[in-house]
Amino acid sequence: MIVYWLRHRGTAYPVHRGECILGRAPHCFMVLSAEQVSREHAVVRLVGDNIELEELSSRNGTRVNGRLIEGTRHLEAGDVIEIAGERIEVMRRVSRDQSATVQGEPPEDATVKAQRNILELVEELTARAAETREKDGLVRTIHELVDTLVRTAERSGRRLSRAEAVRLVSITRVVAGWSPDHSLVDWSQSVARTVGQM
């Protein structure tokens, strides 16, 4: 399974099936507050295992990698969407059951491998949760897995790499945003402190 994310100002948003609208309106998938952003500026869609961007005839246009686009454009991991000075990076991950191995490399430490697998599972579950209205069950599972990952890293002395810590904190911020009473904000901040991202 291929999972796409859009990273904006340090936070990664999992792209879900359907329309992921980028714009100024509060109902948008990603709300961009700059005055030059249209209420519904552009839309990102998954098409099979690929991802595309459609410009919605906005006032000020949309750029990909510095080039103004019209209509629909296929996106690749590493592409940068620019809307009114806001930069959004396209990221892609392949699920853990499709991870490639390089012949001749020494076997990976079991703890490091388990940590990576948990992190990738959490990313997949977050992407799935973003696609459904009934998030509660998945949020509980994500919460438990994140706590397990943090405890394992502390007990084993195998701290997460900086990149892994950033990915983990991005996920907790997205999940905390789904809590209508903001009850998960403290949890997200606690995870960030524990993995050295605060």
N, C-alpha and C. Protein backbone atom coordinates (compact mmCIF):
# COMPACT_ATOMS: atom_id res chain seq x y z
N MET A 1 0.85 -1.19 0.00
CA MET A 1 0.00 0.00 0.00
C MET A 1 0.89 1.25 0.00
N ILE A 2 0.59 2.19 -0.87
CA ILE A 2 1.35 3.44 -0.94
C ILE A 2 0.55 4.52 -0.22
N VAL A 3 1.21 5.24 0.67
CA VAL A 3 0.55 6.29 1.43
C VAL A 3 1.21 7.62 1.09
N TYR A 4 0.41 8.59 0.71
CA TYR A 4 0.92 9.93 0.39
C TYR A 4 0.59 10.89 1.52
N TRP A 5 1.50 11.83 1.74
CA TRP A 5 1.33 12.86 2.77
C TRP A 5 1.65 14.21 2.14
N LEU A 6 1.05 15.27 2.67
CA LEU A 6 1.43 16.63 2.30
C LEU A 6 2.02 17.28 3.54
N ARG A 7 3.25 17.77 3.42
CA ARG A 7 3.91 18.39 4.58
C ARG A 7 3.90 19.91 4.42
N HIS A 8 3.37 20.58 5.44
CA HIS A 8 3.28 22.04 5.43
C HIS A 8 3.70 22.56 6.79
N ARG A 9 4.72 23.40 6.81
CA ARG A 9 5.23 24.00 8.06
C ARG A 9 5.51 22.95 9.14
N GLY A 10 6.13 21.85 8.74
CA GLY A 10 6.56 20.84 9.71
C GLY A 10 5.51 19.81 10.07
N THR A 11 4.27 19.98 9.63
CA THR A 11 3.22 19.01 9.93
C THR A 11 2.87 18.25 8.67
N ALA A 12 2.78 16.91 8.78
CA ALA A 12 2.42 16.07 7.63
C ALA A 12 0.96 15.67 7.73
N TYR A 13 0.23 15.83 6.64
CA TYR A 13 -1.19 15.51 6.58
C TYR A 13 -1.37 14.31 5.66
N PRO A 14 -1.97 13.20 6.15
CA PRO A 14 -2.16 12.03 5.27
C PRO A 14 -3.23 12.30 4.22
N VAL A 15 -2.93 12.06 2.97
CA VAL A 15 -3.89 12.27 1.88
C VAL A 15 -4.87 11.11 1.87
N HIS A 16 -6.16 11.40 1.90
CA HIS A 16 -7.18 10.36 1.94
C HIS A 16 -7.89 10.28 0.60
N ARG A 17 -8.68 9.24 0.43
CA ARG A 17 -9.48 9.09 -0.79
C ARG A 17 -10.51 10.21 -0.86
N GLY A 18 -10.85 10.61 -2.05
CA GLY A 18 -11.80 11.71 -2.21
C GLY A 18 -11.05 13.01 -2.45
N GLU A 19 -11.72 14.12 -2.19
CA GLU A 19 -11.16 15.43 -2.50
C GLU A 19 -10.46 16.02 -1.26
N CYS A 20 -9.19 16.30 -1.39
CA CYS A 20 -8.42 16.97 -0.33
C CYS A 20 -8.22 18.41 -0.80
N ILE A 21 -9.13 19.28 -0.37
CA ILE A 21 -9.12 20.66 -0.87
C ILE A 21 -8.14 21.50 -0.07
N LEU A 22 -7.35 22.30 -0.78
CA LEU A 22 -6.42 23.25 -0.18
C LEU A 22 -7.02 24.64 -0.39
N GLY A 23 -7.17 25.40 0.69
CA GLY A 23 -7.76 26.72 0.53
C GLY A 23 -7.94 27.43 1.85
N ARG A 24 -8.62 28.56 1.81
CA ARG A 24 -8.80 29.40 3.00
C ARG A 24 -10.05 29.04 3.80
N ALA A 25 -11.02 28.36 3.18
CA ALA A 25 -12.28 28.03 3.87
C ALA A 25 -12.02 27.04 5.00
N PRO A 26 -12.77 27.17 6.11
CA PRO A 26 -12.53 26.30 7.27
C PRO A 26 -12.80 24.82 7.01
N HIS A 27 -13.59 24.50 5.99
CA HIS A 27 -13.89 23.09 5.72
C HIS A 27 -12.80 22.40 4.90
N CYS A 28 -11.78 23.12 4.48
CA CYS A 28 -10.73 22.54 3.62
C CYS A 28 -9.91 21.51 4.37
N PHE A 29 -9.39 20.55 3.65
CA PHE A 29 -8.47 19.53 4.17
C PHE A 29 -7.25 20.20 4.78
N MET A 30 -6.69 21.17 4.07
CA MET A 30 -5.57 21.97 4.59
C MET A 30 -5.95 23.43 4.45
N VAL A 31 -6.07 24.10 5.61
CA VAL A 31 -6.48 25.50 5.62
C VAL A 31 -5.23 26.37 5.56
N LEU A 32 -5.18 27.24 4.53
CA LEU A 32 -4.08 28.17 4.33
C LEU A 32 -4.64 29.58 4.53
N SER A 33 -4.13 30.29 5.51
CA SER A 33 -4.78 31.53 5.93
C SER A 33 -4.35 32.79 5.16
N ALA A 34 -3.36 32.70 4.29
CA ALA A 34 -2.90 33.90 3.57
C ALA A 34 -4.05 34.51 2.76
N GLU A 35 -4.09 35.84 2.74
CA GLU A 35 -5.18 36.56 2.08
C GLU A 35 -5.28 36.25 0.58
N GLN A 36 -4.14 35.95 -0.06
CA GLN A 36 -4.13 35.69 -1.50
C GLN A 36 -4.64 34.29 -1.86
N VAL A 37 -4.90 33.45 -0.86
CA VAL A 37 -5.40 32.09 -1.10
C VAL A 37 -6.91 32.16 -1.31
N SER A 38 -7.41 31.49 -2.34
CA SER A 38 -8.85 31.43 -2.59
C SER A 38 -9.50 30.50 -1.56
N ARG A 39 -10.83 30.67 -1.39
CA ARG A 39 -11.54 29.82 -0.43
C ARG A 39 -11.31 28.34 -0.74
N GLU A 40 -11.43 27.96 -2.00
CA GLU A 40 -11.08 26.62 -2.47
C GLU A 40 -10.10 26.82 -3.61
N HIS A 41 -8.83 26.70 -3.31
CA HIS A 41 -7.76 27.10 -4.24
C HIS A 41 -7.37 25.97 -5.20
N ALA A 42 -7.16 24.78 -4.63
CA ALA A 42 -6.73 23.62 -5.43
C ALA A 42 -7.19 22.36 -4.71
N VAL A 43 -7.16 21.24 -5.42
CA VAL A 43 -7.56 19.98 -4.80
C VAL A 43 -6.55 18.90 -5.14
N VAL A 44 -6.25 18.07 -4.14
CA VAL A 44 -5.35 16.93 -4.32
C VAL A 44 -6.21 15.67 -4.27
N ARG A 45 -5.94 14.73 -5.19
CA ARG A 45 -6.71 13.49 -5.24
C ARG A 45 -5.77 12.30 -5.41
N LEU A 46 -6.17 11.17 -4.82
CA LEU A 46 -5.51 9.90 -5.09
C LEU A 46 -6.19 9.28 -6.31
N VAL A 47 -5.40 8.81 -7.25
CA VAL A 47 -5.93 8.14 -8.43
C VAL A 47 -5.18 6.81 -8.53
N GLY A 48 -5.80 5.74 -8.03
CA GLY A 48 -5.10 4.46 -7.93
C GLY A 48 -3.96 4.60 -6.96
N ASP A 49 -2.75 4.27 -7.40
CA ASP A 49 -1.56 4.42 -6.55
C ASP A 49 -0.84 5.73 -6.83
N ASN A 50 -1.47 6.63 -7.57
CA ASN A 50 -0.85 7.91 -7.92
C ASN A 50 -1.59 9.06 -7.25
N ILE A 51 -1.02 10.24 -7.37
CA ILE A 51 -1.59 11.43 -6.75
C ILE A 51 -1.57 12.56 -7.78
N GLU A 52 -2.64 13.38 -7.78
CA GLU A 52 -2.70 14.49 -8.73
C GLU A 52 -3.21 15.74 -8.02
N LEU A 53 -2.91 16.89 -8.66
CA LEU A 53 -3.32 18.20 -8.16
C LEU A 53 -4.14 18.87 -9.25
N GLU A 54 -5.28 19.45 -8.86
CA GLU A 54 -6.08 20.22 -9.81
C GLU A 54 -6.20 21.65 -9.32
N GLU A 55 -5.84 22.58 -10.18
CA GLU A 55 -5.99 24.01 -9.91
C GLU A 55 -7.46 24.36 -10.11
N LEU A 56 -8.08 25.03 -9.12
CA LEU A 56 -9.52 25.32 -9.16
C LEU A 56 -9.81 26.75 -9.62
N SER A 57 -9.13 27.18 -10.66
CA SER A 57 -9.34 28.54 -11.21
C SER A 57 -9.25 29.60 -10.14
N SER A 58 -8.24 29.49 -9.31
CA SER A 58 -8.04 30.45 -8.22
C SER A 58 -7.60 31.81 -8.78
N ARG A 59 -7.71 32.84 -7.96
CA ARG A 59 -7.32 34.20 -8.38
C ARG A 59 -5.83 34.30 -8.65
N ASN A 60 -5.02 33.68 -7.80
CA ASN A 60 -3.57 33.89 -7.86
C ASN A 60 -2.76 32.69 -8.34
N GLY A 61 -3.44 31.62 -8.73
CA GLY A 61 -2.74 30.49 -9.33
C GLY A 61 -2.04 29.57 -8.34
N THR A 62 -1.60 28.45 -8.88
CA THR A 62 -0.89 27.42 -8.11
C THR A 62 0.34 27.02 -8.89
N ARG A 63 1.45 26.84 -8.18
CA ARG A 63 2.68 26.43 -8.82
C ARG A 63 3.11 25.06 -8.29
N VAL A 64 3.76 24.30 -9.14
CA VAL A 64 4.40 23.05 -8.73
C VAL A 64 5.85 23.14 -9.17
N ASN A 65 6.74 23.05 -8.20
CA ASN A 65 8.18 23.17 -8.46
C ASN A 65 8.51 24.46 -9.21
N GLY A 66 7.79 25.54 -8.84
CA GLY A 66 8.06 26.86 -9.40
C GLY A 66 7.32 27.18 -10.69
N ARG A 67 6.62 26.20 -11.28
CA ARG A 67 5.92 26.43 -12.55
C ARG A 67 4.43 26.56 -12.33
N LEU A 68 3.85 27.60 -12.89
CA LEU A 68 2.41 27.83 -12.81
C LEU A 68 1.70 26.70 -13.56
N ILE A 69 0.65 26.14 -12.95
CA ILE A 69 -0.07 25.05 -13.61
C ILE A 69 -1.49 25.48 -13.96
N GLU A 70 -2.06 24.80 -14.91
CA GLU A 70 -3.47 24.96 -15.26
C GLU A 70 -4.08 23.58 -15.32
N GLY A 71 -5.32 23.46 -14.89
CA GLY A 71 -5.99 22.17 -14.94
C GLY A 71 -5.40 21.19 -13.94
N THR A 72 -5.21 19.95 -14.39
CA THR A 72 -4.76 18.86 -13.51
C THR A 72 -3.32 18.49 -13.83
N ARG A 73 -2.56 18.17 -12.78
CA ARG A 73 -1.16 17.78 -12.97
C ARG A 73 -0.85 16.60 -12.07
N HIS A 74 -0.17 15.59 -12.61
CA HIS A 74 0.31 14.43 -11.85
C HIS A 74 1.42 14.90 -10.90
N LEU A 75 1.43 14.39 -9.68
CA LEU A 75 2.46 14.75 -8.71
C LEU A 75 3.36 13.56 -8.41
N GLU A 76 4.58 13.85 -8.00
CA GLU A 76 5.54 12.84 -7.57
C GLU A 76 6.03 13.21 -6.18
N ALA A 77 6.50 12.20 -5.44
CA ALA A 77 7.11 12.47 -4.14
C ALA A 77 8.25 13.46 -4.34
N GLY A 78 8.33 14.45 -3.47
CA GLY A 78 9.37 15.47 -3.56
C GLY A 78 8.92 16.73 -4.26
N ASP A 79 7.79 16.66 -5.00
CA ASP A 79 7.25 17.87 -5.63
C ASP A 79 6.85 18.87 -4.55
N VAL A 80 6.97 20.14 -4.89
CA VAL A 80 6.58 21.20 -3.96
C VAL A 80 5.45 22.03 -4.59
N ILE A 81 4.31 22.06 -3.90
CA ILE A 81 3.16 22.86 -4.32
C ILE A 81 3.32 24.23 -3.67
N GLU A 82 3.15 25.29 -4.45
CA GLU A 82 3.25 26.65 -3.91
C GLU A 82 1.94 27.38 -4.14
N ILE A 83 1.36 27.87 -3.04
CA ILE A 83 0.11 28.62 -3.09
C ILE A 83 0.30 29.88 -2.26
N ALA A 84 0.30 31.03 -2.92
CA ALA A 84 0.43 32.32 -2.24
C ALA A 84 1.60 32.33 -1.25
N GLY A 85 2.73 31.81 -1.68
CA GLY A 85 3.92 31.81 -0.82
C GLY A 85 4.00 30.65 0.15
N GLU A 86 2.93 29.87 0.29
CA GLU A 86 2.94 28.70 1.17
C GLU A 86 3.50 27.52 0.39
N ARG A 87 4.44 26.78 1.02
CA ARG A 87 5.07 25.64 0.35
C ARG A 87 4.57 24.33 0.98
N ILE A 88 4.12 23.42 0.14
CA ILE A 88 3.59 22.13 0.59
C ILE A 88 4.35 21.04 -0.14
N GLU A 89 5.03 20.18 0.60
CA GLU A 89 5.84 19.12 -0.01
C GLU A 89 5.04 17.82 -0.08
N VAL A 90 5.15 17.14 -1.22
CA VAL A 90 4.50 15.83 -1.40
C VAL A 90 5.47 14.75 -0.94
N MET A 91 4.98 13.87 -0.04
CA MET A 91 5.80 12.77 0.47
C MET A 91 5.08 11.46 0.18
N ARG A 92 5.86 10.40 0.06
CA ARG A 92 5.29 9.09 -0.24
C ARG A 92 6.00 8.03 0.58
N ARG A 93 5.21 7.10 1.11
CA ARG A 93 5.78 5.97 1.83
C ARG A 93 5.16 4.68 1.31
N VAL A 94 5.95 3.63 1.26
CA VAL A 94 5.45 2.31 0.90
C VAL A 94 5.28 1.55 2.20
N SER A 95 4.18 0.81 2.32
CA SER A 95 3.91 0.12 3.58
C SER A 95 5.00 -0.90 3.88
N ARG A 96 5.09 -1.30 5.15
CA ARG A 96 6.18 -2.15 5.60
C ARG A 96 6.24 -3.50 4.90
N ASP A 97 5.10 -4.01 4.39
CA ASP A 97 5.14 -5.30 3.73
C ASP A 97 5.71 -5.20 2.32
N GLN A 98 6.00 -3.99 1.84
CA GLN A 98 6.60 -3.84 0.52
C GLN A 98 8.01 -3.24 0.62
N SER A 99 8.57 -3.17 1.82
CA SER A 99 9.86 -2.51 1.96
C SER A 99 10.95 -3.35 1.29
N ALA A 100 11.82 -2.66 0.58
CA ALA A 100 12.88 -3.35 -0.16
C ALA A 100 14.05 -3.66 0.75
N THR A 101 14.77 -4.74 0.44
CA THR A 101 15.98 -5.06 1.17
C THR A 101 17.14 -5.01 0.19
N VAL A 102 18.29 -4.64 0.69
CA VAL A 102 19.47 -4.53 -0.15
C VAL A 102 20.36 -5.74 0.14
N GLN A 103 20.71 -6.48 -0.89
CA GLN A 103 21.52 -7.67 -0.73
C GLN A 103 22.89 -7.30 -0.19
N GLY A 104 23.34 -8.09 0.77
CA GLY A 104 24.67 -7.87 1.31
C GLY A 104 24.72 -6.97 2.52
N GLU A 105 23.59 -6.35 2.89
CA GLU A 105 23.58 -5.50 4.09
C GLU A 105 23.51 -6.39 5.32
N PRO A 106 24.13 -5.96 6.45
CA PRO A 106 24.03 -6.76 7.67
C PRO A 106 22.59 -6.76 8.16
N PRO A 107 22.18 -7.82 8.87
CA PRO A 107 20.81 -7.87 9.36
C PRO A 107 20.53 -6.70 10.31
N GLU A 108 19.32 -6.20 10.23
CA GLU A 108 18.95 -5.03 11.02
C GLU A 108 18.66 -5.45 12.46
N ASP A 109 19.04 -4.61 13.41
CA ASP A 109 18.75 -4.84 14.82
C ASP A 109 17.24 -5.02 15.00
N ALA A 110 16.84 -6.05 15.77
CA ALA A 110 15.42 -6.39 15.93
C ALA A 110 14.63 -5.24 16.55
N THR A 111 15.22 -4.53 17.51
CA THR A 111 14.50 -3.42 18.15
C THR A 111 14.27 -2.28 17.17
N VAL A 112 15.30 -1.95 16.39
CA VAL A 112 15.19 -0.88 15.40
C VAL A 112 14.12 -1.25 14.37
N LYS A 113 14.13 -2.51 13.94
CA LYS A 113 13.15 -2.97 12.95
C LYS A 113 11.74 -2.89 13.53
N ALA A 114 11.57 -3.32 14.78
CA ALA A 114 10.24 -3.27 15.42
C ALA A 114 9.76 -1.82 15.54
N GLN A 115 10.66 -0.91 15.93
CA GLN A 115 10.29 0.50 16.04
C GLN A 115 9.85 1.05 14.68
N ARG A 116 10.60 0.72 13.63
CA ARG A 116 10.26 1.20 12.30
C ARG A 116 8.90 0.65 11.85
N ASN A 117 8.67 -0.65 12.13
CA ASN A 117 7.40 -1.27 11.75
C ASN A 117 6.22 -0.64 12.47
N ILE A 118 6.38 -0.35 13.76
CA ILE A 118 5.29 0.29 14.52
C ILE A 118 5.02 1.68 13.95
N LEU A 119 6.08 2.44 13.68
CA LEU A 119 5.91 3.78 13.14
C LEU A 119 5.18 3.74 11.79
N GLU A 120 5.56 2.81 10.93
CA GLU A 120 4.90 2.71 9.62
C GLU A 120 3.44 2.26 9.76
N LEU A 121 3.17 1.37 10.73
CA LEU A 121 1.78 0.96 10.97
C LEU A 121 0.96 2.15 11.47
N VAL A 122 1.53 2.94 12.35
CA VAL A 122 0.84 4.14 12.86
C VAL A 122 0.53 5.10 11.71
N GLU A 123 1.48 5.27 10.78
CA GLU A 123 1.25 6.15 9.63
C GLU A 123 0.11 5.62 8.76
N GLU A 124 0.09 4.30 8.53
CA GLU A 124 -0.99 3.70 7.72
C GLU A 124 -2.35 3.87 8.40
N LEU A 125 -2.40 3.62 9.71
CA LEU A 125 -3.67 3.75 10.44
C LEU A 125 -4.15 5.20 10.44
N THR A 126 -3.22 6.14 10.54
CA THR A 126 -3.59 7.56 10.52
C THR A 126 -4.18 7.92 9.15
N ALA A 127 -3.57 7.41 8.09
CA ALA A 127 -4.11 7.66 6.75
C ALA A 127 -5.50 7.06 6.61
N ARG A 128 -5.71 5.87 7.15
CA ARG A 128 -7.04 5.24 7.09
C ARG A 128 -8.05 6.03 7.91
N ALA A 129 -7.64 6.44 9.10
CA ALA A 129 -8.55 7.20 9.98
C ALA A 129 -8.97 8.51 9.32
N ALA A 130 -8.07 9.11 8.56
CA ALA A 130 -8.39 10.38 7.88
C ALA A 130 -9.50 10.20 6.86
N GLU A 131 -9.69 8.96 6.38
CA GLU A 131 -10.70 8.69 5.35
C GLU A 131 -12.08 8.39 5.92
N THR A 132 -12.21 8.19 7.23
CA THR A 132 -13.47 7.77 7.81
C THR A 132 -14.02 8.81 8.77
N ARG A 133 -15.32 8.82 8.91
CA ARG A 133 -15.96 9.71 9.88
C ARG A 133 -15.85 9.15 11.30
N GLU A 134 -15.88 7.82 11.42
CA GLU A 134 -15.81 7.16 12.73
C GLU A 134 -14.34 6.88 13.08
N LYS A 135 -13.69 7.86 13.66
CA LYS A 135 -12.26 7.77 13.93
C LYS A 135 -11.94 7.17 15.30
N ASP A 136 -12.91 7.13 16.22
CA ASP A 136 -12.63 6.82 17.62
C ASP A 136 -11.81 5.54 17.82
N GLY A 137 -12.25 4.44 17.20
CA GLY A 137 -11.54 3.17 17.38
C GLY A 137 -10.11 3.24 16.87
N LEU A 138 -9.93 3.82 15.69
CA LEU A 138 -8.58 3.93 15.13
C LEU A 138 -7.72 4.87 15.96
N VAL A 139 -8.32 5.96 16.45
CA VAL A 139 -7.56 6.90 17.28
C VAL A 139 -7.04 6.21 18.54
N ARG A 140 -7.89 5.39 19.17
CA ARG A 140 -7.45 4.64 20.37
C ARG A 140 -6.27 3.73 20.03
N THR A 141 -6.38 3.02 18.89
CA THR A 141 -5.30 2.11 18.48
C THR A 141 -4.02 2.89 18.19
N ILE A 142 -4.14 4.00 17.48
CA ILE A 142 -2.97 4.84 17.18
C ILE A 142 -2.33 5.33 18.47
N HIS A 143 -3.15 5.81 19.41
CA HIS A 143 -2.67 6.30 20.71
C HIS A 143 -1.86 5.20 21.41
N GLU A 144 -2.42 3.98 21.47
CA GLU A 144 -1.73 2.87 22.16
C GLU A 144 -0.43 2.50 21.46
N LEU A 145 -0.44 2.48 20.12
CA LEU A 145 0.78 2.13 19.39
C LEU A 145 1.87 3.18 19.57
N VAL A 146 1.48 4.45 19.55
CA VAL A 146 2.46 5.52 19.77
C VAL A 146 3.07 5.39 21.16
N ASP A 147 2.23 5.16 22.17
CA ASP A 147 2.73 5.00 23.55
C ASP A 147 3.67 3.80 23.65
N THR A 148 3.32 2.70 22.96
CA THR A 148 4.18 1.50 22.95
C THR A 148 5.52 1.82 22.31
N LEU A 149 5.49 2.54 21.20
CA LEU A 149 6.72 2.91 20.50
C LEU A 149 7.62 3.77 21.38
N VAL A 150 7.03 4.75 22.05
CA VAL A 150 7.82 5.65 22.91
C VAL A 150 8.41 4.87 24.09
N ARG A 151 7.60 3.99 24.72
CA ARG A 151 8.09 3.18 25.85
C ARG A 151 9.22 2.25 25.40
N THR A 152 9.05 1.61 24.24
CA THR A 152 10.08 0.69 23.73
C THR A 152 11.39 1.42 23.50
N ALA A 153 11.30 2.60 22.92
CA ALA A 153 12.51 3.39 22.66
C ALA A 153 13.21 3.77 23.97
N GLU A 154 12.41 4.12 24.99
CA GLU A 154 13.01 4.50 26.29
C GLU A 154 13.65 3.30 26.98
N ARG A 155 12.91 2.16 27.00
CA ARG A 155 13.40 0.97 27.71
C ARG A 155 14.64 0.39 27.05
N SER A 156 14.64 0.35 25.71
CA SER A 156 15.75 -0.29 24.99
C SER A 156 16.98 0.60 24.88
N GLY A 157 16.78 1.91 25.10
CA GLY A 157 17.88 2.84 24.89
C GLY A 157 18.13 3.14 23.42
N ARG A 158 17.28 2.61 22.55
CA ARG A 158 17.38 2.85 21.10
C ARG A 158 16.44 3.98 20.75
N ARG A 159 16.92 5.20 20.87
CA ARG A 159 16.08 6.36 20.59
C ARG A 159 15.74 6.42 19.11
N LEU A 160 14.60 7.02 18.82
CA LEU A 160 14.20 7.21 17.43
C LEU A 160 15.16 8.19 16.77
N SER A 161 15.40 8.01 15.49
CA SER A 161 16.21 8.98 14.76
C SER A 161 15.44 10.30 14.71
N ARG A 162 16.13 11.38 14.39
CA ARG A 162 15.46 12.68 14.32
C ARG A 162 14.32 12.65 13.31
N ALA A 163 14.55 12.04 12.13
CA ALA A 163 13.50 11.97 11.10
C ALA A 163 12.29 11.18 11.61
N GLU A 164 12.55 10.05 12.31
CA GLU A 164 11.45 9.25 12.85
C GLU A 164 10.68 10.02 13.92
N ALA A 165 11.41 10.74 14.77
CA ALA A 165 10.77 11.54 15.81
C ALA A 165 9.87 12.61 15.21
N VAL A 166 10.35 13.27 14.15
CA VAL A 166 9.55 14.30 13.47
C VAL A 166 8.29 13.68 12.88
N ARG A 167 8.43 12.50 12.24
CA ARG A 167 7.27 11.81 11.67
C ARG A 167 6.26 11.47 12.76
N LEU A 168 6.76 10.95 13.89
CA LEU A 168 5.88 10.54 14.98
C LEU A 168 5.12 11.74 15.55
N VAL A 169 5.82 12.83 15.79
CA VAL A 169 5.18 14.03 16.35
C VAL A 169 4.16 14.61 15.36
N SER A 170 4.48 14.58 14.07
CA SER A 170 3.51 15.05 13.05
C SER A 170 2.22 14.26 13.14
N ILE A 171 2.33 12.94 13.31
CA ILE A 171 1.15 12.08 13.42
C ILE A 171 0.35 12.45 14.66
N THR A 172 1.02 12.61 15.80
CA THR A 172 0.27 12.91 17.03
C THR A 172 -0.44 14.25 16.93
N ARG A 173 0.15 15.20 16.21
CA ARG A 173 -0.51 16.51 16.04
C ARG A 173 -1.77 16.38 15.17
N VAL A 174 -1.67 15.57 14.11
CA VAL A 174 -2.84 15.34 13.25
C VAL A 174 -3.94 14.67 14.07
N VAL A 175 -3.59 13.62 14.81
CA VAL A 175 -4.57 12.87 15.61
C VAL A 175 -5.17 13.77 16.69
N ALA A 176 -4.34 14.58 17.34
CA ALA A 176 -4.85 15.49 18.38
C ALA A 176 -5.86 16.48 17.80
N GLY A 177 -5.67 16.85 16.54
CA GLY A 177 -6.59 17.77 15.88
C GLY A 177 -7.96 17.18 15.64
N TRP A 178 -8.08 15.85 15.70
CA TRP A 178 -9.38 15.19 15.51
C TRP A 178 -10.19 15.15 16.80
N SER A 179 -9.59 15.51 17.91
CA SER A 179 -10.27 15.45 19.20
C SER A 179 -11.08 16.73 19.40
N PRO A 180 -12.43 16.65 19.38
CA PRO A 180 -13.24 17.87 19.47
C PRO A 180 -13.04 18.63 20.78
N ASP A 181 -12.69 17.92 21.86
CA ASP A 181 -12.49 18.59 23.15
C ASP A 181 -11.02 18.89 23.42
N HIS A 182 -10.17 18.68 22.41
CA HIS A 182 -8.72 18.95 22.51
C HIS A 182 -8.04 18.13 23.61
N SER A 183 -8.65 16.99 23.97
CA SER A 183 -8.11 16.17 25.06
C SER A 183 -6.79 15.50 24.70
N LEU A 184 -6.47 15.40 23.42
CA LEU A 184 -5.24 14.72 23.01
C LEU A 184 -4.07 15.68 22.79
N VAL A 185 -4.30 16.96 22.98
CA VAL A 185 -3.23 17.95 22.76
C VAL A 185 -2.09 17.73 23.77
N ASP A 186 -2.44 17.52 25.05
CA ASP A 186 -1.41 17.28 26.07
C ASP A 186 -0.61 16.02 25.76
N TRP A 187 -1.30 14.98 25.30
CA TRP A 187 -0.63 13.73 24.92
C TRP A 187 0.36 13.98 23.79
N SER A 188 -0.07 14.71 22.77
CA SER A 188 0.81 15.02 21.64
C SER A 188 2.04 15.79 22.10
N GLN A 189 1.85 16.77 22.98
CA GLN A 189 2.98 17.56 23.49
C GLN A 189 3.91 16.71 24.35
N SER A 190 3.32 15.77 25.11
CA SER A 190 4.13 14.87 25.94
C SER A 190 5.01 13.97 25.06
N VAL A 191 4.43 13.45 23.97
CA VAL A 191 5.20 12.62 23.04
C VAL A 191 6.34 13.46 22.44
N ALA A 192 6.03 14.68 22.03
CA ALA A 192 7.04 15.57 21.44
C ALA A 192 8.19 15.81 22.41
N ARG A 193 7.86 16.04 23.70
CA ARG A 193 8.91 16.26 24.71
C ARG A 193 9.76 15.00 24.87
N THR A 194 9.11 13.85 24.95
CA THR A 194 9.81 12.60 25.20
C THR A 194 10.78 12.24 24.09
N VAL A 195 10.39 12.53 22.84
CA VAL A 195 11.27 12.16 21.71
C VAL A 195 12.17 13.33 21.29
N GLY A 196 12.20 14.39 22.12
CA GLY A 196 13.13 15.49 21.89
C GLY A 196 12.75 16.44 20.78
N GLN A 197 11.43 16.62 20.57
CA GLN A 197 10.98 17.53 19.52
C GLN A 197 10.23 18.75 20.09
N MET A 198 10.57 19.11 21.32
CA MET A 198 9.93 20.29 21.93
C MET A 198 10.91 21.03 22.79
